[in-house]
Each structure stands twice: as structure tokens, then as C-alpha cells.
Amino acid sequence: MGTAAIIIVSGLAFYTACGLATALAFVSVGVTRVQPQSISLGARILILPGAMALWPYVLMRWLAARGAR
């Protein structure tokens, strides 16, 4: 593999790892702080892939909701 390919694959792996960590934390704790209504387990499972893919946005919203309270 070339150097560029290694950098790209490493970047994607890092993005995925950060996304998984953020999504699991958000789905278990943070979703109740952003969304005032109670969230069922099924809804949390449905939110997980989107939160993993869009973790920078999710993290910004979570931190903004944390500062607002």
C-alpha cells in the first residue's frame, strides 16, 4: 500500500473510532439532555448509526445543550 492509502485508511479508522465512542456515549447519556422527552430503547438503536456517522455535529449539539442548562 502506498503512503497516501495508509493515511486515508488511518483517518477513516480514527473517524470511525471517534464516531463509535461519541455515539455510544450520546445514546446512553446525552440523548436525554438534548431531547426533553423520554426515548425508548428502539429509538436509541435507530439513533446510533446516524450519531456515529455525524459525530462532530452530535458532539457540538450535546455540548451546546450542556452549556445551556
PDB file of N, CA and C in Angstrom:
ATOM      1  N   MET A   1       0.833  -1.183   0.000  1.00  0.00           N
ATOM      2  CA  MET A   1       0.000   0.000   0.000  1.00  0.00           C
ATOM      3  C   MET A   1       0.873   1.239   0.000  1.00  0.00           C
ATOM      4  N   GLY A   2       0.388   2.236  -0.666  1.00  0.00           N
ATOM      5  CA  GLY A   2       1.123   3.481  -0.713  1.00  0.00           C
ATOM      6  C   GLY A   2       0.903   4.304   0.546  1.00  0.00           C
ATOM      7  N   THR A   3       1.710   5.311   0.705  1.00  0.00           N
ATOM      8  CA  THR A   3       1.625   6.170   1.879  1.00  0.00           C
ATOM      9  C   THR A   3       0.287   6.900   1.944  1.00  0.00           C
ATOM     10  N   ALA A   4      -0.187   7.366   0.801  1.00  0.00           N
ATOM     11  CA  ALA A   4      -1.471   8.073   0.779  1.00  0.00           C
ATOM     12  C   ALA A   4      -2.614   7.153   1.205  1.00  0.00           C
ATOM     13  N   ALA A   5      -2.588   5.920   0.761  1.00  0.00           N
ATOM     14  CA  ALA A   5      -3.632   4.964   1.126  1.00  0.00           C
ATOM     15  C   ALA A   5      -3.616   4.679   2.624  1.00  0.00           C
ATOM     16  N   ILE A   6      -2.436   4.563   3.185  1.00  0.00           N
ATOM     17  CA  ILE A   6      -2.319   4.313   4.622  1.00  0.00           C
ATOM     18  C   ILE A   6      -2.864   5.499   5.411  1.00  0.00           C
ATOM     19  N   ILE A   7      -2.572   6.708   4.963  1.00  0.00           N
ATOM     20  CA  ILE A   7      -3.069   7.899   5.639  1.00  0.00           C
ATOM     21  C   ILE A   7      -4.593   7.967   5.566  1.00  0.00           C
ATOM     22  N   ILE A   8      -5.152   7.675   4.405  1.00  0.00           N
ATOM     23  CA  ILE A   8      -6.608   7.713   4.232  1.00  0.00           C
ATOM     24  C   ILE A   8      -7.288   6.651   5.086  1.00  0.00           C
ATOM     25  N   VAL A   9      -6.775   5.434   5.062  1.00  0.00           N
ATOM     26  CA  VAL A   9      -7.371   4.353   5.852  1.00  0.00           C
ATOM     27  C   VAL A   9      -7.236   4.640   7.340  1.00  0.00           C
ATOM     28  N   SER A  10      -6.105   5.169   7.758  1.00  0.00           N
ATOM     29  CA  SER A  10      -5.916   5.521   9.168  1.00  0.00           C
ATOM     30  C   SER A  10      -6.866   6.641   9.585  1.00  0.00           C
ATOM     31  N   GLY A  11      -7.062   7.620   8.719  1.00  0.00           N
ATOM     32  CA  GLY A  11      -8.006   8.696   9.016  1.00  0.00           C
ATOM     33  C   GLY A  11      -9.428   8.189   9.133  1.00  0.00           C
ATOM     34  N   LEU A  12      -9.825   7.292   8.237  1.00  0.00           N
ATOM     35  CA  LEU A  12     -11.166   6.711   8.322  1.00  0.00           C
ATOM     36  C   LEU A  12     -11.344   5.864   9.576  1.00  0.00           C
ATOM     37  N   ALA A  13     -10.320   5.132   9.952  1.00  0.00           N
ATOM     38  CA  ALA A  13     -10.376   4.330  11.177  1.00  0.00           C
ATOM     39  C   ALA A  13     -10.502   5.231  12.403  1.00  0.00           C
ATOM     40  N   PHE A  14      -9.763   6.340  12.415  1.00  0.00           N
ATOM     41  CA  PHE A  14      -9.837   7.282  13.525  1.00  0.00           C
ATOM     42  C   PHE A  14     -11.223   7.922  13.593  1.00  0.00           C
ATOM     43  N   TYR A  15     -11.773   8.326  12.449  1.00  0.00           N
ATOM     44  CA  TYR A  15     -13.105   8.928  12.389  1.00  0.00           C
ATOM     45  C   TYR A  15     -14.155   7.937  12.890  1.00  0.00           C
ATOM     46  N   THR A  16     -14.028   6.681  12.485  1.00  0.00           N
ATOM     47  CA  THR A  16     -14.973   5.644  12.908  1.00  0.00           C
ATOM     48  C   THR A  16     -14.876   5.381  14.404  1.00  0.00           C
ATOM     49  N   ALA A  17     -13.662   5.329  14.944  1.00  0.00           N
ATOM     50  CA  ALA A  17     -13.480   5.094  16.376  1.00  0.00           C
ATOM     51  C   ALA A  17     -14.053   6.248  17.195  1.00  0.00           C
ATOM     52  N   CYS A  18     -13.791   7.474  16.764  1.00  0.00           N
ATOM     53  CA  CYS A  18     -14.355   8.641  17.454  1.00  0.00           C
ATOM     54  C   CYS A  18     -15.874   8.634  17.351  1.00  0.00           C
ATOM     55  N   GLY A  19     -16.387   8.267  16.199  1.00  0.00           N
ATOM     56  CA  GLY A  19     -17.827   8.205  15.999  1.00  0.00           C
ATOM     57  C   GLY A  19     -18.492   7.161  16.870  1.00  0.00           C
ATOM     58  N   LEU A  20     -17.881   6.003  16.980  1.00  0.00           N
ATOM     59  CA  LEU A  20     -18.449   4.945  17.812  1.00  0.00           C
ATOM     60  C   LEU A  20     -18.453   5.352  19.283  1.00  0.00           C
ATOM     61  N   ALA A  21     -17.358   5.913  19.762  1.00  0.00           N
ATOM     62  CA  ALA A  21     -17.280   6.342  21.163  1.00  0.00           C
ATOM     63  C   ALA A  21     -18.292   7.446  21.457  1.00  0.00           C
ATOM     64  N   THR A  22     -18.382   8.423  20.575  1.00  0.00           N
ATOM     65  CA  THR A  22     -19.318   9.529  20.777  1.00  0.00           C
ATOM     66  C   THR A  22     -20.758   9.038  20.702  1.00  0.00           C
ATOM     67  N   ALA A  23     -21.061   8.191  19.728  1.00  0.00           N
ATOM     68  CA  ALA A  23     -22.434   7.704  19.554  1.00  0.00           C
ATOM     69  C   ALA A  23     -22.881   6.862  20.745  1.00  0.00           C
ATOM     70  N   LEU A  24     -22.022   5.990  21.238  1.00  0.00           N
ATOM     71  CA  LEU A  24     -22.398   5.172  22.390  1.00  0.00           C
ATOM     72  C   LEU A  24     -22.633   6.029  23.627  1.00  0.00           C
ATOM     73  N   ALA A  25     -21.770   7.017  23.840  1.00  0.00           N
ATOM     74  CA  ALA A  25     -21.956   7.910  24.981  1.00  0.00           C
ATOM     75  C   ALA A  25     -23.223   8.748  24.812  1.00  0.00           C
ATOM     76  N   PHE A  26     -23.450   9.238  23.613  1.00  0.00           N
ATOM     77  CA  PHE A  26     -24.621  10.073  23.364  1.00  0.00           C
ATOM     78  C   PHE A  26     -25.909   9.283  23.523  1.00  0.00           C
ATOM     79  N   VAL A  27     -25.954   8.087  22.970  1.00  0.00           N
ATOM     80  CA  VAL A  27     -27.175   7.285  23.034  1.00  0.00           C
ATOM     81  C   VAL A  27     -27.460   6.844  24.466  1.00  0.00           C
ATOM     82  N   SER A  28     -26.426   6.589  25.246  1.00  0.00           N
ATOM     83  CA  SER A  28     -26.661   6.129  26.612  1.00  0.00           C
ATOM     84  C   SER A  28     -26.959   7.274  27.579  1.00  0.00           C
ATOM     85  N   VAL A  29     -26.334   8.445  27.404  1.00  0.00           N
ATOM     86  CA  VAL A  29     -26.483   9.534  28.366  1.00  0.00           C
ATOM     87  C   VAL A  29     -27.005  10.817  27.727  1.00  0.00           C
ATOM     88  N   GLY A  30     -26.423  11.218  26.626  1.00  0.00           N
ATOM     89  CA  GLY A  30     -26.643  12.549  26.086  1.00  0.00           C
ATOM     90  C   GLY A  30     -27.975  12.798  25.423  1.00  0.00           C
ATOM     91  N   VAL A  31     -28.616  11.774  24.906  1.00  0.00           N
ATOM     92  CA  VAL A  31     -29.863  11.994  24.165  1.00  0.00           C
ATOM     93  C   VAL A  31     -30.952  12.553  25.077  1.00  0.00           C
ATOM     94  N   THR A  32     -30.938  12.221  26.336  1.00  0.00           N
ATOM     95  CA  THR A  32     -31.943  12.750  27.263  1.00  0.00           C
ATOM     96  C   THR A  32     -31.690  14.217  27.578  1.00  0.00           C
ATOM     97  N   ARG A  33     -30.474  14.684  27.397  1.00  0.00           N
ATOM     98  CA  ARG A  33     -30.169  16.097  27.642  1.00  0.00           C
ATOM     99  C   ARG A  33     -30.514  16.960  26.442  1.00  0.00           C
ATOM    100  N   VAL A  34     -30.429  16.400  25.248  1.00  0.00           N
ATOM    101  CA  VAL A  34     -30.751  17.145  24.033  1.00  0.00           C
ATOM    102  C   VAL A  34     -32.241  17.077  23.756  1.00  0.00           C
ATOM    103  N   GLN A  35     -32.851  15.926  23.964  1.00  0.00           N
ATOM    104  CA  GLN A  35     -34.268  15.697  23.717  1.00  0.00           C
ATOM    105  C   GLN A  35     -34.992  15.622  25.062  1.00  0.00           C
ATOM    106  N   PRO A  36     -35.906  16.521  25.359  1.00  0.00           N
ATOM    107  CA  PRO A  36     -36.541  16.535  26.679  1.00  0.00           C
ATOM    108  C   PRO A  36     -37.479  15.348  26.947  1.00  0.00           C
ATOM    109  N   GLN A  37     -38.091  14.774  25.899  1.00  0.00           N
ATOM    110  CA  GLN A  37     -38.978  13.636  26.112  1.00  0.00           C
ATOM    111  C   GLN A  37     -38.161  12.374  26.353  1.00  0.00           C
ATOM    112  N   SER A  38     -38.787  11.381  26.976  1.00  0.00           N
ATOM    113  CA  SER A  38     -38.097  10.111  27.192  1.00  0.00           C
ATOM    114  C   SER A  38     -37.935   9.379  25.853  1.00  0.00           C
ATOM    115  N   ILE A  39     -36.851   8.656  25.727  1.00  0.00           N
ATOM    116  CA  ILE A  39     -36.506   7.951  24.495  1.00  0.00           C
ATOM    117  C   ILE A  39     -36.477   6.457  24.789  1.00  0.00           C
ATOM    118  N   SER A  40     -37.164   5.673  23.965  1.00  0.00           N
ATOM    119  CA  SER A  40     -37.194   4.227  24.166  1.00  0.00           C
ATOM    120  C   SER A  40     -35.906   3.579  23.658  1.00  0.00           C
ATOM    121  N   LEU A  41     -35.716   2.329  24.002  1.00  0.00           N
ATOM    122  CA  LEU A  41     -34.536   1.587  23.570  1.00  0.00           C
ATOM    123  C   LEU A  41     -34.505   1.451  22.050  1.00  0.00           C
ATOM    124  N   GLY A  42     -35.661   1.216  21.445  1.00  0.00           N
ATOM    125  CA  GLY A  42     -35.728   1.103  19.987  1.00  0.00           C
ATOM    126  C   GLY A  42     -35.316   2.387  19.288  1.00  0.00           C
ATOM    127  N   ALA A  43     -35.741   3.514  19.828  1.00  0.00           N
ATOM    128  CA  ALA A  43     -35.356   4.801  19.249  1.00  0.00           C
ATOM    129  C   ALA A  43     -33.860   5.044  19.417  1.00  0.00           C
ATOM    130  N   ARG A  44     -33.303   4.641  20.536  1.00  0.00           N
ATOM    131  CA  ARG A  44     -31.857   4.788  20.761  1.00  0.00           C
ATOM    132  C   ARG A  44     -31.055   3.952  19.764  1.00  0.00           C
ATOM    133  N   ILE A  45     -31.557   2.757  19.464  1.00  0.00           N
ATOM    134  CA  ILE A  45     -30.882   1.899  18.487  1.00  0.00           C
ATOM    135  C   ILE A  45     -30.945   2.530  17.097  1.00  0.00           C
ATOM    136  N   LEU A  46     -32.067   3.151  16.779  1.00  0.00           N
ATOM    137  CA  LEU A  46     -32.193   3.816  15.483  1.00  0.00           C
ATOM    138  C   LEU A  46     -31.318   5.064  15.384  1.00  0.00           C
ATOM    139  N   ILE A  47     -31.087   5.741  16.483  1.00  0.00           N
ATOM    140  CA  ILE A  47     -30.268   6.949  16.502  1.00  0.00           C
ATOM    141  C   ILE A  47     -28.777   6.619  16.382  1.00  0.00           C
ATOM    142  N   LEU A  48     -28.369   5.462  16.854  1.00  0.00           N
ATOM    143  CA  LEU A  48     -26.950   5.097  16.941  1.00  0.00           C
ATOM    144  C   LEU A  48     -26.179   5.236  15.620  1.00  0.00           C
ATOM    145  N   PRO A  49     -26.623   4.674  14.487  1.00  0.00           N
ATOM    146  CA  PRO A  49     -25.830   4.809  13.260  1.00  0.00           C
ATOM    147  C   PRO A  49     -25.687   6.253  12.782  1.00  0.00           C
ATOM    148  N   GLY A  50     -26.753   7.022  12.896  1.00  0.00           N
ATOM    149  CA  GLY A  50     -26.688   8.424  12.490  1.00  0.00           C
ATOM    150  C   GLY A  50     -25.759   9.225  13.382  1.00  0.00           C
ATOM    151  N   ALA A  51     -25.823   8.964  14.679  1.00  0.00           N
ATOM    152  CA  ALA A  51     -24.936   9.662  15.616  1.00  0.00           C
ATOM    153  C   ALA A  51     -23.485   9.277  15.377  1.00  0.00           C
ATOM    154  N   MET A  52     -23.269   8.045  14.974  1.00  0.00           N
ATOM    155  CA  MET A  52     -21.901   7.599  14.684  1.00  0.00           C
ATOM    156  C   MET A  52     -21.360   8.276  13.430  1.00  0.00           C
ATOM    157  N   ALA A  53     -22.179   8.392  12.410  1.00  0.00           N
ATOM    158  CA  ALA A  53     -21.725   8.994  11.158  1.00  0.00           C
ATOM    159  C   ALA A  53     -21.557  10.506  11.284  1.00  0.00           C
ATOM    160  N   LEU A  54     -22.431  11.136  12.048  1.00  0.00           N
ATOM    161  CA  LEU A  54     -22.429  12.598  12.169  1.00  0.00           C
ATOM    162  C   LEU A  54     -21.910  13.043  13.536  1.00  0.00           C
ATOM    163  N   TRP A  55     -20.937  12.338  14.079  1.00  0.00           N
ATOM    164  CA  TRP A  55     -20.500  12.586  15.445  1.00  0.00           C
ATOM    165  C   TRP A  55     -19.989  14.001  15.703  1.00  0.00           C
ATOM    166  N   PRO A  56     -19.347  14.703  14.767  1.00  0.00           N
ATOM    167  CA  PRO A  56     -18.945  16.078  15.109  1.00  0.00           C
ATOM    168  C   PRO A  56     -20.154  16.987  15.384  1.00  0.00           C
ATOM    169  N   TYR A  57     -21.198  16.859  14.577  1.00  0.00           N
ATOM    170  CA  TYR A  57     -22.413  17.645  14.773  1.00  0.00           C
ATOM    171  C   TYR A  57     -23.112  17.246  16.074  1.00  0.00           C
ATOM    172  N   VAL A  58     -23.194  15.955  16.334  1.00  0.00           N
ATOM    173  CA  VAL A  58     -23.829  15.459  17.561  1.00  0.00           C
ATOM    174  C   VAL A  58     -23.086  15.979  18.779  1.00  0.00           C
ATOM    175  N   LEU A  59     -21.780  15.943  18.732  1.00  0.00           N
ATOM    176  CA  LEU A  59     -20.979  16.419  19.859  1.00  0.00           C
ATOM    177  C   LEU A  59     -21.166  17.914  20.086  1.00  0.00           C
ATOM    178  N   MET A  60     -21.232  18.693  19.011  1.00  0.00           N
ATOM    179  CA  MET A  60     -21.459  20.138  19.155  1.00  0.00           C
ATOM    180  C   MET A  60     -22.836  20.418  19.773  1.00  0.00           C
ATOM    181  N   ARG A  61     -23.857  19.708  19.305  1.00  0.00           N
ATOM    182  CA  ARG A  61     -25.213  19.903  19.860  1.00  0.00           C
ATOM    183  C   ARG A  61     -25.266  19.487  21.321  1.00  0.00           C
ATOM    184  N   TRP A  62     -24.602  18.385  21.656  1.00  0.00           N
ATOM    185  CA  TRP A  62     -24.593  17.885  23.021  1.00  0.00           C
ATOM    186  C   TRP A  62     -23.904  18.884  23.943  1.00  0.00           C
ATOM    187  N   LEU A  63     -22.770  19.410  23.515  1.00  0.00           N
ATOM    188  CA  LEU A  63     -22.051  20.385  24.335  1.00  0.00           C
ATOM    189  C   LEU A  63     -22.824  21.692  24.453  1.00  0.00           C
ATOM    190  N   ALA A  64     -23.512  22.093  23.400  1.00  0.00           N
ATOM    191  CA  ALA A  64     -24.331  23.307  23.455  1.00  0.00           C
ATOM    192  C   ALA A  64     -25.509  23.133  24.418  1.00  0.00           C
ATOM    193  N   ALA A  65     -26.116  21.983  24.412  1.00  0.00           N
ATOM    194  CA  ALA A  65     -27.222  21.701  25.335  1.00  0.00           C
ATOM    195  C   ALA A  65     -26.725  21.633  26.778  1.00  0.00           C
ATOM    196  N   ARG A  66     -25.524  21.154  26.952  1.00  0.00           N
ATOM    197  CA  ARG A  66     -24.935  21.078  28.283  1.00  0.00           C
ATOM    198  C   ARG A  66     -24.663  22.478  28.848  1.00  0.00           C
ATOM    199  N   GLY A  67     -24.189  23.383  27.984  1.00  0.00           N
ATOM    200  CA  GLY A  67     -23.905  24.743  28.416  1.00  0.00           C
ATOM    201  C   GLY A  67     -25.145  25.566  28.654  1.00  0.00           C
ATOM    202  N   ALA A  68     -26.254  25.203  28.011  1.00  0.00           N
ATOM    203  CA  ALA A  68     -27.493  25.952  28.139  1.00  0.00           C
ATOM    204  C   ALA A  68     -28.191  25.688  29.479  1.00  0.00           C
ATOM    205  N   ARG A  69     -27.856  24.612  30.115  1.00  0.00           N
ATOM    206  CA  ARG A  69     -28.524  24.266  31.380  1.00  0.00           C
ATOM    207  C   ARG A  69     -27.779  24.706  32.572  1.00  0.00           C
TER     208      ARG A  69
END
